[in-house]
PDB file of N, CA and C in Angstrom:
ATOM      1  N   MET A   1       6.391   2.873   4.744  1.00  0.00           N
ATOM      2  CA  MET A   1       6.841   3.742   5.828  1.00  0.00           C
ATOM      3  C   MET A   1       6.097   5.067   5.839  1.00  0.00           C
ATOM      4  N   GLY A   2       5.275   5.308   4.835  1.00  0.00           N
ATOM      5  CA  GLY A   2       4.522   6.545   4.812  1.00  0.00           C
ATOM      6  C   GLY A   2       5.231   7.706   4.143  1.00  0.00           C
ATOM      7  N   TYR A   3       6.324   7.438   3.452  1.00  0.00           N
ATOM      8  CA  TYR A   3       7.066   8.477   2.756  1.00  0.00           C
ATOM      9  C   TYR A   3       7.054   8.205   1.260  1.00  0.00           C
ATOM     10  N   ASP A   4       7.065   9.259   0.467  1.00  0.00           N
ATOM     11  CA  ASP A   4       7.050   9.120  -0.986  1.00  0.00           C
ATOM     12  C   ASP A   4       8.442   8.718  -1.476  1.00  0.00           C
ATOM     13  N   LEU A   5       8.536   7.492  -1.954  1.00  0.00           N
ATOM     14  CA  LEU A   5       9.813   6.979  -2.457  1.00  0.00           C
ATOM     15  C   LEU A   5       9.779   6.791  -3.968  1.00  0.00           C
ATOM     16  N   SER A   6       8.799   7.404  -4.621  1.00  0.00           N
ATOM     17  CA  SER A   6       8.633   7.212  -6.070  1.00  0.00           C
ATOM     18  C   SER A   6       9.808   7.762  -6.881  1.00  0.00           C
ATOM     19  N   ALA A   7      10.586   8.667  -6.314  1.00  0.00           N
ATOM     20  CA  ALA A   7      11.744   9.213  -7.029  1.00  0.00           C
ATOM     21  C   ALA A   7      12.936   8.253  -7.036  1.00  0.00           C
ATOM     22  N   ILE A   8      12.885   7.239  -6.179  1.00  0.00           N
ATOM     23  CA  ILE A   8      13.989   6.270  -6.102  1.00  0.00           C
ATOM     24  C   ILE A   8      13.417   4.839  -6.109  1.00  0.00           C
ATOM     25  N   PRO A   9      12.660   4.479  -7.136  1.00  0.00           N
ATOM     26  CA  PRO A   9      11.994   3.168  -7.133  1.00  0.00           C
ATOM     27  C   PRO A   9      12.948   1.983  -7.114  1.00  0.00           C
ATOM     28  N   ASP A  10      14.092   2.113  -7.762  1.00  0.00           N
ATOM     29  CA  ASP A  10      15.021   0.982  -7.826  1.00  0.00           C
ATOM     30  C   ASP A  10      15.561   0.609  -6.446  1.00  0.00           C
ATOM     31  N   VAL A  11      16.038   1.596  -5.702  1.00  0.00           N
ATOM     32  CA  VAL A  11      16.611   1.290  -4.392  1.00  0.00           C
ATOM     33  C   VAL A  11      15.526   1.033  -3.343  1.00  0.00           C
ATOM     34  N   SER A  12      14.421   1.748  -3.421  1.00  0.00           N
ATOM     35  CA  SER A  12      13.367   1.515  -2.428  1.00  0.00           C
ATOM     36  C   SER A  12      12.773   0.121  -2.578  1.00  0.00           C
ATOM     37  N   GLN A  13      12.673  -0.375  -3.808  1.00  0.00           N
ATOM     38  CA  GLN A  13      12.152  -1.729  -4.022  1.00  0.00           C
ATOM     39  C   GLN A  13      13.102  -2.782  -3.450  1.00  0.00           C
ATOM     40  N   LYS A  14      14.396  -2.533  -3.523  1.00  0.00           N
ATOM     41  CA  LYS A  14      15.364  -3.476  -2.944  1.00  0.00           C
ATOM     42  C   LYS A  14      15.212  -3.557  -1.425  1.00  0.00           C
ATOM     43  N   VAL A  15      14.989  -2.413  -0.780  1.00  0.00           N
ATOM     44  CA  VAL A  15      14.779  -2.404   0.669  1.00  0.00           C
ATOM     45  C   VAL A  15      13.456  -3.091   0.995  1.00  0.00           C
ATOM     46  N   ARG A  16      12.411  -2.777   0.246  1.00  0.00           N
ATOM     47  CA  ARG A  16      11.098  -3.400   0.459  1.00  0.00           C
ATOM     48  C   ARG A  16      11.187  -4.924   0.325  1.00  0.00           C
ATOM     49  N   ALA A  17      11.997  -5.401  -0.612  1.00  0.00           N
ATOM     50  CA  ALA A  17      12.141  -6.840  -0.846  1.00  0.00           C
ATOM     51  C   ALA A  17      12.712  -7.563   0.376  1.00  0.00           C
ATOM     52  N   VAL A  18      13.542  -6.896   1.157  1.00  0.00           N
ATOM     53  CA  VAL A  18      14.081  -7.505   2.377  1.00  0.00           C
ATOM     54  C   VAL A  18      12.932  -7.845   3.322  1.00  0.00           C
ATOM     55  N   TYR A  19      12.031  -6.893   3.515  1.00  0.00           N
ATOM     56  CA  TYR A  19      10.899  -7.104   4.415  1.00  0.00           C
ATOM     57  C   TYR A  19       9.895  -8.095   3.823  1.00  0.00           C
ATOM     58  N   ASP A  20       9.642  -8.000   2.519  1.00  0.00           N
ATOM     59  CA  ASP A  20       8.692  -8.910   1.870  1.00  0.00           C
ATOM     60  C   ASP A  20       9.155 -10.358   1.924  1.00  0.00           C
ATOM     61  N   ALA A  21      10.466 -10.584   1.884  1.00  0.00           N
ATOM     62  CA  ALA A  21      10.990 -11.949   1.959  1.00  0.00           C
ATOM     63  C   ALA A  21      10.749 -12.559   3.345  1.00  0.00           C
ATOM     64  N   ILE A  22      10.782 -11.736   4.371  1.00  0.00           N
ATOM     65  CA  ILE A  22      10.554 -12.207   5.742  1.00  0.00           C
ATOM     66  C   ILE A  22       9.068 -12.434   5.995  1.00  0.00           C
ATOM     67  N   GLN A  23       8.249 -11.484   5.563  1.00  0.00           N
ATOM     68  CA  GLN A  23       6.801 -11.562   5.764  1.00  0.00           C
ATOM     69  C   GLN A  23       6.126 -11.124   4.476  1.00  0.00           C
ATOM     70  N   PRO A  24       5.791 -12.083   3.594  1.00  0.00           N
ATOM     71  CA  PRO A  24       5.164 -11.716   2.323  1.00  0.00           C
ATOM     72  C   PRO A  24       3.891 -10.890   2.529  1.00  0.00           C
ATOM     73  N   PRO A  25       3.652  -9.918   1.654  1.00  0.00           N
ATOM     74  CA  PRO A  25       2.459  -9.072   1.781  1.00  0.00           C
ATOM     75  C   PRO A  25       1.187  -9.927   1.866  1.00  0.00           C
ATOM     76  N   GLY A  26       0.304  -9.531   2.770  1.00  0.00           N
ATOM     77  CA  GLY A  26      -0.962 -10.237   2.934  1.00  0.00           C
ATOM     78  C   GLY A  26      -0.901 -11.451   3.837  1.00  0.00           C
ATOM     79  N   SER A  27       0.287 -11.799   4.337  1.00  0.00           N
ATOM     80  CA  SER A  27       0.397 -13.000   5.166  1.00  0.00           C
ATOM     81  C   SER A  27       0.696 -12.703   6.634  1.00  0.00           C
ATOM     82  N   ASP A  28       0.841 -11.459   7.000  1.00  0.00           N
ATOM     83  CA  ASP A  28       1.137 -11.111   8.385  1.00  0.00           C
ATOM     84  C   ASP A  28      -0.118 -11.331   9.235  1.00  0.00           C
ATOM     85  N   PRO A  29      -0.062 -12.226  10.231  1.00  0.00           N
ATOM     86  CA  PRO A  29      -1.254 -12.506  11.033  1.00  0.00           C
ATOM     87  C   PRO A  29      -1.742 -11.312  11.851  1.00  0.00           C
ATOM     88  N   MET A  30      -0.915 -10.281  11.969  1.00  0.00           N
ATOM     89  CA  MET A  30      -1.361  -9.070  12.673  1.00  0.00           C
ATOM     90  C   MET A  30      -2.008  -8.062  11.731  1.00  0.00           C
ATOM     91  N   LEU A  31      -1.913  -8.309  10.424  1.00  0.00           N
ATOM     92  CA  LEU A  31      -2.420  -7.330   9.467  1.00  0.00           C
ATOM     93  C   LEU A  31      -3.353  -7.919   8.407  1.00  0.00           C
ATOM     94  N   ASN A  32      -3.566  -9.230   8.397  1.00  0.00           N
ATOM     95  CA  ASN A  32      -4.343  -9.815   7.297  1.00  0.00           C
ATOM     96  C   ASN A  32      -5.817 -10.012   7.645  1.00  0.00           C
ATOM     97  N   PHE A  33      -6.381  -9.084   8.413  1.00  0.00           N
ATOM     98  CA  PHE A  33      -7.800  -9.102   8.749  1.00  0.00           C
ATOM     99  C   PHE A  33      -8.259  -7.659   8.943  1.00  0.00           C
ATOM    100  N   ASP A  34      -9.574  -7.469   8.950  1.00  0.00           N
ATOM    101  CA  ASP A  34     -10.083  -6.122   9.211  1.00  0.00           C
ATOM    102  C   ASP A  34     -11.199  -6.196  10.247  1.00  0.00           C
ATOM    103  N   GLU A  35     -11.839  -5.059  10.516  1.00  0.00           N
ATOM    104  CA  GLU A  35     -12.853  -4.987  11.563  1.00  0.00           C
ATOM    105  C   GLU A  35     -14.061  -5.879  11.253  1.00  0.00           C
ATOM    106  N   ARG A  36     -14.383  -6.058   9.988  1.00  0.00           N
ATOM    107  CA  ARG A  36     -15.507  -6.945   9.632  1.00  0.00           C
ATOM    108  C   ARG A  36     -15.188  -8.387   9.998  1.00  0.00           C
ATOM    109  N   ASP A  37     -13.941  -8.787   9.796  1.00  0.00           N
ATOM    110  CA  ASP A  37     -13.527 -10.137  10.183  1.00  0.00           C
ATOM    111  C   ASP A  37     -13.644 -10.326  11.697  1.00  0.00           C
ATOM    112  N   LEU A  38     -13.274  -9.316  12.486  1.00  0.00           N
ATOM    113  CA  LEU A  38     -13.383  -9.414  13.936  1.00  0.00           C
ATOM    114  C   LEU A  38     -14.826  -9.654  14.368  1.00  0.00           C
ATOM    115  N   VAL A  39     -15.754  -8.893  13.787  1.00  0.00           N
ATOM    116  CA  VAL A  39     -17.168  -9.050  14.126  1.00  0.00           C
ATOM    117  C   VAL A  39     -17.662 -10.442  13.730  1.00  0.00           C
ATOM    118  N   GLU A  40     -17.315 -10.877  12.542  1.00  0.00           N
ATOM    119  CA  GLU A  40     -17.743 -12.200  12.083  1.00  0.00           C
ATOM    120  C   GLU A  40     -17.182 -13.307  12.974  1.00  0.00           C
ATOM    121  N   LEU A  41     -15.920 -13.244  13.300  1.00  0.00           N
ATOM    122  CA  LEU A  41     -15.309 -14.271  14.144  1.00  0.00           C
ATOM    123  C   LEU A  41     -15.917 -14.286  15.547  1.00  0.00           C
ATOM    124  N   ALA A  42     -16.192 -13.121  16.098  1.00  0.00           N
ATOM    125  CA  ALA A  42     -16.830 -13.066  17.420  1.00  0.00           C
ATOM    126  C   ALA A  42     -18.214 -13.692  17.367  1.00  0.00           C
ATOM    127  N   GLY A  43     -18.971 -13.402  16.318  1.00  0.00           N
ATOM    128  CA  GLY A  43     -20.297 -13.998  16.174  1.00  0.00           C
ATOM    129  C   GLY A  43     -20.233 -15.507  16.037  1.00  0.00           C
ATOM    130  N   ARG A  44     -19.307 -16.001  15.225  1.00  0.00           N
ATOM    131  CA  ARG A  44     -19.153 -17.452  15.046  1.00  0.00           C
ATOM    132  C   ARG A  44     -18.709 -18.140  16.337  1.00  0.00           C
ATOM    133  N   ALA A  45     -18.019 -17.399  17.186  1.00  0.00           N
ATOM    134  CA  ALA A  45     -17.559 -17.966  18.455  1.00  0.00           C
ATOM    135  C   ALA A  45     -18.643 -17.920  19.528  1.00  0.00           C
ATOM    136  N   GLY A  46     -19.827 -17.419  19.188  1.00  0.00           N
ATOM    137  CA  GLY A  46     -20.937 -17.428  20.131  1.00  0.00           C
ATOM    138  C   GLY A  46     -21.114 -16.171  20.950  1.00  0.00           C
ATOM    139  N   PHE A  47     -20.490 -15.092  20.551  1.00  0.00           N
ATOM    140  CA  PHE A  47     -20.661 -13.830  21.273  1.00  0.00           C
ATOM    141  C   PHE A  47     -21.866 -13.073  20.720  1.00  0.00           C
ATOM    142  N   PHE A  48     -22.668 -12.496  21.619  1.00  0.00           N
ATOM    143  CA  PHE A  48     -23.817 -11.669  21.243  1.00  0.00           C
ATOM    144  C   PHE A  48     -24.319 -10.975  22.499  1.00  0.00           C
ATOM    145  N   PRO A  49     -24.568  -9.725  22.510  1.00  0.00           N
ATOM    146  CA  PRO A  49     -24.382  -8.776  21.421  1.00  0.00           C
ATOM    147  C   PRO A  49     -22.898  -8.440  21.213  1.00  0.00           C
ATOM    148  N   ILE A  50     -22.637  -7.862  20.057  1.00  0.00           N
ATOM    149  CA  ILE A  50     -21.279  -7.489  19.672  1.00  0.00           C
ATOM    150  C   ILE A  50     -21.263  -6.001  19.357  1.00  0.00           C
ATOM    151  N   HIS A  51     -20.316  -5.306  19.911  1.00  0.00           N
ATOM    152  CA  HIS A  51     -20.126  -3.869  19.635  1.00  0.00           C
ATOM    153  C   HIS A  51     -18.686  -3.674  19.186  1.00  0.00           C
ATOM    154  N   LEU A  52     -18.510  -2.920  18.130  1.00  0.00           N
ATOM    155  CA  LEU A  52     -17.163  -2.636  17.647  1.00  0.00           C
ATOM    156  C   LEU A  52     -17.041  -1.142  17.394  1.00  0.00           C
ATOM    157  N   ARG A  53     -15.962  -0.570  17.902  1.00  0.00           N
ATOM    158  CA  ARG A  53     -15.651   0.835  17.639  1.00  0.00           C
ATOM    159  C   ARG A  53     -14.318   0.876  16.906  1.00  0.00           C
ATOM    160  N   LEU A  54     -14.296   1.573  15.794  1.00  0.00           N
ATOM    161  CA  LEU A  54     -13.084   1.693  14.993  1.00  0.00           C
ATOM    162  C   LEU A  54     -12.597   3.132  15.054  1.00  0.00           C
ATOM    163  N   ASP A  55     -11.359   3.311  15.446  1.00  0.00           N
ATOM    164  CA  ASP A  55     -10.723   4.628  15.448  1.00  0.00           C
ATOM    165  C   ASP A  55      -9.609   4.596  14.404  1.00  0.00           C
ATOM    166  N   ALA A  56      -9.717   5.444  13.407  1.00  0.00           N
ATOM    167  CA  ALA A  56      -8.693   5.527  12.372  1.00  0.00           C
ATOM    168  C   ALA A  56      -8.120   6.933  12.365  1.00  0.00           C
ATOM    169  N   GLU A  57      -6.818   7.007  12.209  1.00  0.00           N
ATOM    170  CA  GLU A  57      -6.128   8.297  12.198  1.00  0.00           C
ATOM    171  C   GLU A  57      -5.153   8.317  11.029  1.00  0.00           C
ATOM    172  N   ILE A  58      -5.286   9.326  10.205  1.00  0.00           N
ATOM    173  CA  ILE A  58      -4.349   9.549   9.109  1.00  0.00           C
ATOM    174  C   ILE A  58      -3.928  11.013   9.210  1.00  0.00           C
ATOM    175  N   THR A  59      -2.665  11.219   9.545  1.00  0.00           N
ATOM    176  CA  THR A  59      -2.161  12.569   9.757  1.00  0.00           C
ATOM    177  C   THR A  59      -0.759  12.692   9.176  1.00  0.00           C
ATOM    178  N   ALA A  60      -0.242  13.895   9.220  1.00  0.00           N
ATOM    179  CA  ALA A  60       1.151  14.113   8.824  1.00  0.00           C
ATOM    180  C   ALA A  60       2.065  13.460   9.850  1.00  0.00           C
ATOM    181  N   SER A  61       3.150  12.911   9.370  1.00  0.00           N
ATOM    182  CA  SER A  61       4.146  12.323  10.272  1.00  0.00           C
ATOM    183  C   SER A  61       4.780  13.413  11.119  1.00  0.00           C
ATOM    184  N   GLU A  62       5.183  13.039  12.303  1.00  0.00           N
ATOM    185  CA  GLU A  62       5.964  13.941  13.145  1.00  0.00           C
ATOM    186  C   GLU A  62       7.414  13.904  12.669  1.00  0.00           C
ATOM    187  N   PRO A  63       8.096  15.030  12.685  1.00  0.00           N
ATOM    188  CA  PRO A  63       9.531  14.979  12.383  1.00  0.00           C
ATOM    189  C   PRO A  63      10.237  14.076  13.387  1.00  0.00           C
ATOM    190  N   GLN A  64      11.212  13.336  12.901  1.00  0.00           N
ATOM    191  CA  GLN A  64      12.000  12.489  13.798  1.00  0.00           C
ATOM    192  C   GLN A  64      13.449  12.467  13.359  1.00  0.00           C
ATOM    193  N   SER A  65      14.298  12.029  14.254  1.00  0.00           N
ATOM    194  CA  SER A  65      15.721  12.002  13.931  1.00  0.00           C
ATOM    195  C   SER A  65      16.001  10.873  12.945  1.00  0.00           C
ATOM    196  N   TRP A  66      16.975  11.117  12.080  1.00  0.00           N
ATOM    197  CA  TRP A  66      17.366  10.098  11.116  1.00  0.00           C
ATOM    198  C   TRP A  66      17.946   8.880  11.841  1.00  0.00           C
ATOM    199  N   SER A  67      18.723   9.108  12.880  1.00  0.00           N
ATOM    200  CA  SER A  67      19.300   7.975  13.613  1.00  0.00           C
ATOM    201  C   SER A  67      18.199   7.137  14.264  1.00  0.00           C
ATOM    202  N   GLY A  68      17.144   7.791  14.736  1.00  0.00           N
ATOM    203  CA  GLY A  68      16.014   7.059  15.304  1.00  0.00           C
ATOM    204  C   GLY A  68      15.295   6.229  14.257  1.00  0.00           C
ATOM    205  N   MET A  69      15.132   6.796  13.070  1.00  0.00           N
ATOM    206  CA  MET A  69      14.492   6.067  11.977  1.00  0.00           C
ATOM    207  C   MET A  69      15.327   4.858  11.578  1.00  0.00           C
ATOM    208  N   LEU A  70      16.629   5.035  11.467  1.00  0.00           N
ATOM    209  CA  LEU A  70      17.508   3.923  11.090  1.00  0.00           C
ATOM    210  C   LEU A  70      17.469   2.783  12.109  1.00  0.00           C
ATOM    211  N   ALA A  71      17.289   3.127  13.375  1.00  0.00           N
ATOM    212  CA  ALA A  71      17.314   2.121  14.440  1.00  0.00           C
ATOM    213  C   ALA A  71      15.947   1.488  14.689  1.00  0.00           C
ATOM    214  N   SER A  72      14.917   1.932  13.952  1.00  0.00           N
ATOM    215  CA  SER A  72      13.579   1.415  14.227  1.00  0.00           C
ATOM    216  C   SER A  72      13.259   0.190  13.377  1.00  0.00           C
ATOM    217  N   ALA A  73      12.438  -0.669  13.979  1.00  0.00           N
ATOM    218  CA  ALA A  73      11.930  -1.862  13.291  1.00  0.00           C
ATOM    219  C   ALA A  73      10.454  -1.994  13.651  1.00  0.00           C
ATOM    220  N   GLY A  74       9.656  -2.445  12.719  1.00  0.00           N
ATOM    221  CA  GLY A  74       8.218  -2.581  12.954  1.00  0.00           C
ATOM    222  C   GLY A  74       7.866  -3.633  13.983  1.00  0.00           C
ATOM    223  N   SER A  75       8.742  -4.590  14.186  1.00  0.00           N
ATOM    224  CA  SER A  75       8.543  -5.629  15.199  1.00  0.00           C
ATOM    225  C   SER A  75       9.902  -6.262  15.485  1.00  0.00           C
ATOM    226  N   PRO A  76       9.985  -7.042  16.558  1.00  0.00           N
ATOM    227  CA  PRO A  76      11.267  -7.688  16.880  1.00  0.00           C
ATOM    228  C   PRO A  76      11.692  -8.730  15.850  1.00  0.00           C
ATOM    229  N   ARG A  77      10.776  -9.155  14.977  1.00  0.00           N
ATOM    230  CA  ARG A  77      11.075 -10.205  14.006  1.00  0.00           C
ATOM    231  C   ARG A  77      11.661  -9.678  12.700  1.00  0.00           C
ATOM    232  N   ILE A  78      11.716  -8.377  12.536  1.00  0.00           N
ATOM    233  CA  ILE A  78      12.204  -7.830  11.272  1.00  0.00           C
ATOM    234  C   ILE A  78      13.401  -6.913  11.510  1.00  0.00           C
ATOM    235  N   PRO A  79      14.223  -6.730  10.484  1.00  0.00           N
ATOM    236  CA  PRO A  79      15.417  -5.885  10.673  1.00  0.00           C
ATOM    237  C   PRO A  79      15.061  -4.409  10.791  1.00  0.00           C
ATOM    238  N   THR A  80      15.978  -3.681  11.390  1.00  0.00           N
ATOM    239  CA  THR A  80      15.841  -2.226  11.408  1.00  0.00           C
ATOM    240  C   THR A  80      16.028  -1.718   9.980  1.00  0.00           C
ATOM    241  N   LEU A  81      15.691  -0.460   9.763  1.00  0.00           N
ATOM    242  CA  LEU A  81      15.909   0.119   8.438  1.00  0.00           C
ATOM    243  C   LEU A  81      17.391   0.089   8.090  1.00  0.00           C
ATOM    244  N   ALA A  82      18.253   0.391   9.050  1.00  0.00           N
ATOM    245  CA  ALA A  82      19.700   0.364   8.786  1.00  0.00           C
ATOM    246  C   ALA A  82      20.148  -1.036   8.374  1.00  0.00           C
ATOM    247  N   GLU A  83      19.645  -2.062   9.041  1.00  0.00           N
ATOM    248  CA  GLU A  83      20.008  -3.440   8.702  1.00  0.00           C
ATOM    249  C   GLU A  83      19.499  -3.824   7.309  1.00  0.00           C
ATOM    250  N   ALA A  84      18.277  -3.410   6.981  1.00  0.00           N
ATOM    251  CA  ALA A  84      17.723  -3.709   5.657  1.00  0.00           C
ATOM    252  C   ALA A  84      18.513  -2.998   4.563  1.00  0.00           C
ATOM    253  N   MET A  85      18.881  -1.750   4.807  1.00  0.00           N
ATOM    254  CA  MET A  85      19.687  -1.015   3.832  1.00  0.00           C
ATOM    255  C   MET A  85      21.034  -1.684   3.628  1.00  0.00           C
ATOM    256  N   GLU A  86      21.658  -2.087   4.711  1.00  0.00           N
ATOM    257  CA  GLU A  86      22.968  -2.745   4.638  1.00  0.00           C
ATOM    258  C   GLU A  86      22.874  -4.053   3.864  1.00  0.00           C
ATOM    259  N   GLN A  87      21.794  -4.781   4.080  1.00  0.00           N
ATOM    260  CA  GLN A  87      21.603  -6.071   3.422  1.00  0.00           C
ATOM    261  C   GLN A  87      21.300  -5.925   1.927  1.00  0.00           C
ATOM    262  N   ALA A  88      20.529  -4.904   1.566  1.00  0.00           N
ATOM    263  CA  ALA A  88      20.002  -4.823   0.202  1.00  0.00           C
ATOM    264  C   ALA A  88      20.756  -3.888  -0.731  1.00  0.00           C
ATOM    265  N   LEU A  89      21.428  -2.897  -0.198  1.00  0.00           N
ATOM    266  CA  LEU A  89      21.951  -1.820  -1.039  1.00  0.00           C
ATOM    267  C   LEU A  89      23.474  -1.747  -1.035  1.00  0.00           C
ATOM    268  N   THR A  90      24.013  -1.325  -2.153  1.00  0.00           N
ATOM    269  CA  THR A  90      25.441  -1.018  -2.228  1.00  0.00           C
ATOM    270  C   THR A  90      25.677   0.290  -1.463  1.00  0.00           C
ATOM    271  N   PRO A  91      26.916   0.605  -1.144  1.00  0.00           N
ATOM    272  CA  PRO A  91      27.180   1.888  -0.476  1.00  0.00           C
ATOM    273  C   PRO A  91      26.645   3.092  -1.267  1.00  0.00           C
ATOM    274  N   GLU A  92      26.764   3.065  -2.591  1.00  0.00           N
ATOM    275  CA  GLU A  92      26.261   4.172  -3.402  1.00  0.00           C
ATOM    276  C   GLU A  92      24.736   4.258  -3.328  1.00  0.00           C
ATOM    277  N   GLU A  93      24.070   3.100  -3.356  1.00  0.00           N
ATOM    278  CA  GLU A  93      22.602   3.084  -3.254  1.00  0.00           C
ATOM    279  C   GLU A  93      22.149   3.540  -1.871  1.00  0.00           C
ATOM    280  N   GLN A  94      22.907   3.194  -0.841  1.00  0.00           N
ATOM    281  CA  GLN A  94      22.579   3.662   0.509  1.00  0.00           C
ATOM    282  C   GLN A  94      22.643   5.186   0.578  1.00  0.00           C
ATOM    283  N   GLU A  95      23.633   5.756  -0.090  1.00  0.00           N
ATOM    284  CA  GLU A  95      23.747   7.218  -0.127  1.00  0.00           C
ATOM    285  C   GLU A  95      22.550   7.843  -0.830  1.00  0.00           C
ATOM    286  N   ARG A  96      22.137   7.280  -1.958  1.00  0.00           N
ATOM    287  CA  ARG A  96      20.962   7.794  -2.687  1.00  0.00           C
ATOM    288  C   ARG A  96      19.696   7.673  -1.849  1.00  0.00           C
ATOM    289  N   PHE A  97      19.518   6.520  -1.226  1.00  0.00           N
ATOM    290  CA  PHE A  97      18.346   6.276  -0.388  1.00  0.00           C
ATOM    291  C   PHE A  97      18.306   7.280   0.762  1.00  0.00           C
ATOM    292  N   THR A  98      19.438   7.448   1.430  1.00  0.00           N
ATOM    293  CA  THR A  98      19.538   8.384   2.545  1.00  0.00           C
ATOM    294  C   THR A  98      19.317   9.823   2.091  1.00  0.00           C
ATOM    295  N   ALA A  99      19.919  10.218   0.977  1.00  0.00           N
ATOM    296  CA  ALA A  99      19.762  11.591   0.480  1.00  0.00           C
ATOM    297  C   ALA A  99      18.301  11.912   0.187  1.00  0.00           C
ATOM    298  N   HIS A 100      17.547  10.942  -0.256  1.00  0.00           N
ATOM    299  CA  HIS A 100      16.131  11.176  -0.550  1.00  0.00           C
ATOM    300  C   HIS A 100      15.270  11.112   0.718  1.00  0.00           C
ATOM    301  N   LEU A 101      15.444  10.052   1.515  1.00  0.00           N
ATOM    302  CA  LEU A 101      14.526   9.803   2.634  1.00  0.00           C
ATOM    303  C   LEU A 101      14.827  10.648   3.871  1.00  0.00           C
ATOM    304  N   ARG A 102      16.077  10.907   4.153  1.00  0.00           N
ATOM    305  CA  ARG A 102      16.425  11.616   5.387  1.00  0.00           C
ATOM    306  C   ARG A 102      15.702  12.961   5.542  1.00  0.00           C
ATOM    307  N   PRO A 103      15.684  13.823   4.528  1.00  0.00           N
ATOM    308  CA  PRO A 103      14.981  15.101   4.711  1.00  0.00           C
ATOM    309  C   PRO A 103      13.480  14.900   4.960  1.00  0.00           C
ATOM    310  N   LEU A 104      12.881  13.914   4.324  1.00  0.00           N
ATOM    311  CA  LEU A 104      11.454  13.649   4.527  1.00  0.00           C
ATOM    312  C   LEU A 104      11.182  13.257   5.978  1.00  0.00           C
ATOM    313  N   VAL A 105      12.045  12.414   6.518  1.00  0.00           N
ATOM    314  CA  VAL A 105      11.899  11.950   7.897  1.00  0.00           C
ATOM    315  C   VAL A 105      12.119  13.096   8.876  1.00  0.00           C
ATOM    316  N   GLU A 106      13.204  13.822   8.695  1.00  0.00           N
ATOM    317  CA  GLU A 106      13.549  14.884   9.642  1.00  0.00           C
ATOM    318  C   GLU A 106      12.596  16.068   9.589  1.00  0.00           C
ATOM    319  N   GLU A 107      11.951  16.279   8.448  1.00  0.00           N
ATOM    320  CA  GLU A 107      11.002  17.392   8.307  1.00  0.00           C
ATOM    321  C   GLU A 107       9.555  16.951   8.514  1.00  0.00           C
ATOM    322  N   GLY A 108       9.327  15.671   8.739  1.00  0.00           N
ATOM    323  CA  GLY A 108       7.967  15.183   8.958  1.00  0.00           C
ATOM    324  C   GLY A 108       7.112  15.257   7.709  1.00  0.00           C
ATOM    325  N   ARG A 109       7.694  14.976   6.549  1.00  0.00           N
ATOM    326  CA  ARG A 109       6.944  15.047   5.290  1.00  0.00           C
ATOM    327  C   ARG A 109       6.488  13.656   4.846  1.00  0.00           C
ATOM    328  N   GLY A 110       5.803  12.984   5.747  1.00  0.00           N
ATOM    329  CA  GLY A 110       5.251  11.674   5.447  1.00  0.00           C
ATOM    330  C   GLY A 110       3.823  11.595   5.944  1.00  0.00           C
ATOM    331  N   THR A 111       3.250  10.410   5.879  1.00  0.00           N
ATOM    332  CA  THR A 111       1.884  10.189   6.336  1.00  0.00           C
ATOM    333  C   THR A 111       1.884   9.100   7.405  1.00  0.00           C
ATOM    334  N   TRP A 112       1.261   9.399   8.522  1.00  0.00           N
ATOM    335  CA  TRP A 112       1.121   8.456   9.630  1.00  0.00           C
ATOM    336  C   TRP A 112      -0.272   7.859   9.545  1.00  0.00           C
ATOM    337  N   ARG A 113      -0.364   6.536   9.579  1.00  0.00           N
ATOM    338  CA  ARG A 113      -1.645   5.833   9.536  1.00  0.00           C
ATOM    339  C   ARG A 113      -1.721   4.876  10.722  1.00  0.00           C
ATOM    340  N   MET A 114      -2.855   4.952  11.430  1.00  0.00           N
ATOM    341  CA  MET A 114      -3.073   4.050  12.558  1.00  0.00           C
ATOM    342  C   MET A 114      -4.559   3.775  12.656  1.00  0.00           C
ATOM    343  N   ALA A 115      -4.909   2.522  12.876  1.00  0.00           N
ATOM    344  CA  ALA A 115      -6.300   2.150  13.105  1.00  0.00           C
ATOM    345  C   ALA A 115      -6.347   1.215  14.300  1.00  0.00           C
ATOM    346  N   LEU A 116      -7.314   1.448  15.162  1.00  0.00           N
ATOM    347  CA  LEU A 116      -7.525   0.612  16.334  1.00  0.00           C
ATOM    348  C   LEU A 116      -8.979   0.170  16.347  1.00  0.00           C
ATOM    349  N   ALA A 117      -9.211  -1.104  16.560  1.00  0.00           N
ATOM    350  CA  ALA A 117     -10.568  -1.630  16.663  1.00  0.00           C
ATOM    351  C   ALA A 117     -10.782  -2.105  18.087  1.00  0.00           C
ATOM    352  N   PHE A 118     -11.851  -1.618  18.710  1.00  0.00           N
ATOM    353  CA  PHE A 118     -12.211  -2.006  20.066  1.00  0.00           C
ATOM    354  C   PHE A 118     -13.476  -2.840  19.973  1.00  0.00           C
ATOM    355  N   LEU A 119     -13.393  -4.124  20.309  1.00  0.00           N
ATOM    356  CA  LEU A 119     -14.533  -5.017  20.210  1.00  0.00           C
ATOM    357  C   LEU A 119     -14.983  -5.376  21.625  1.00  0.00           C
ATOM    358  N   PHE A 120     -16.276  -5.176  21.871  1.00  0.00           N
ATOM    359  CA  PHE A 120     -16.891  -5.527  23.150  1.00  0.00           C
ATOM    360  C   PHE A 120     -18.000  -6.526  22.842  1.00  0.00           C
ATOM    361  N   ALA A 121     -18.047  -7.644  23.563  1.00  0.00           N
ATOM    362  CA  ALA A 121     -19.059  -8.650  23.277  1.00  0.00           C
ATOM    363  C   ALA A 121     -19.305  -9.487  24.531  1.00  0.00           C
ATOM    364  N   VAL A 122     -20.442 -10.153  24.509  1.00  0.00           N
ATOM    365  CA  VAL A 122     -20.825 -11.027  25.614  1.00  0.00           C
ATOM    366  C   VAL A 122     -20.950 -12.435  25.088  1.00  0.00           C
ATOM    367  N   LYS A 123     -20.385 -13.388  25.805  1.00  0.00           N
ATOM    368  CA  LYS A 123     -20.479 -14.795  25.403  1.00  0.00           C
ATOM    369  C   LYS A 123     -21.878 -15.292  25.752  1.00  0.00           C
ATOM    370  N   SER A 124     -22.625 -15.756  24.728  1.00  0.00           N
ATOM    371  CA  SER A 124     -23.993 -16.233  24.984  1.00  0.00           C
ATOM    372  C   SER A 124     -23.997 -17.664  25.470  1.00  0.00           C
TER     373      SER A 124
END
């Protein structure tokens, strides 16, 4: 999520396990490739010339509401943070998780990462 959870490894790992069980790391078809793979696949498919532009952004997170964070999910196939917390954590662990993460979210003390690859090619 882009926030430092190293102070609460036990509870953060339980939440992470909810997501990992649904989509094991390295197996997400939207994330298990990079820009080099795109160029190679386009070439193998008979495209030439091939142009690729990569835009990467790593910045400080914007502050956001805790309720908004709880209601967010990375995709429609995975639970919201609130649902994952409810599934994985006891009420006491939810309190610890919230006490640590909420100020980071509301103050924007995280890291936002986004990369976009724009591939332009001609079918030969």
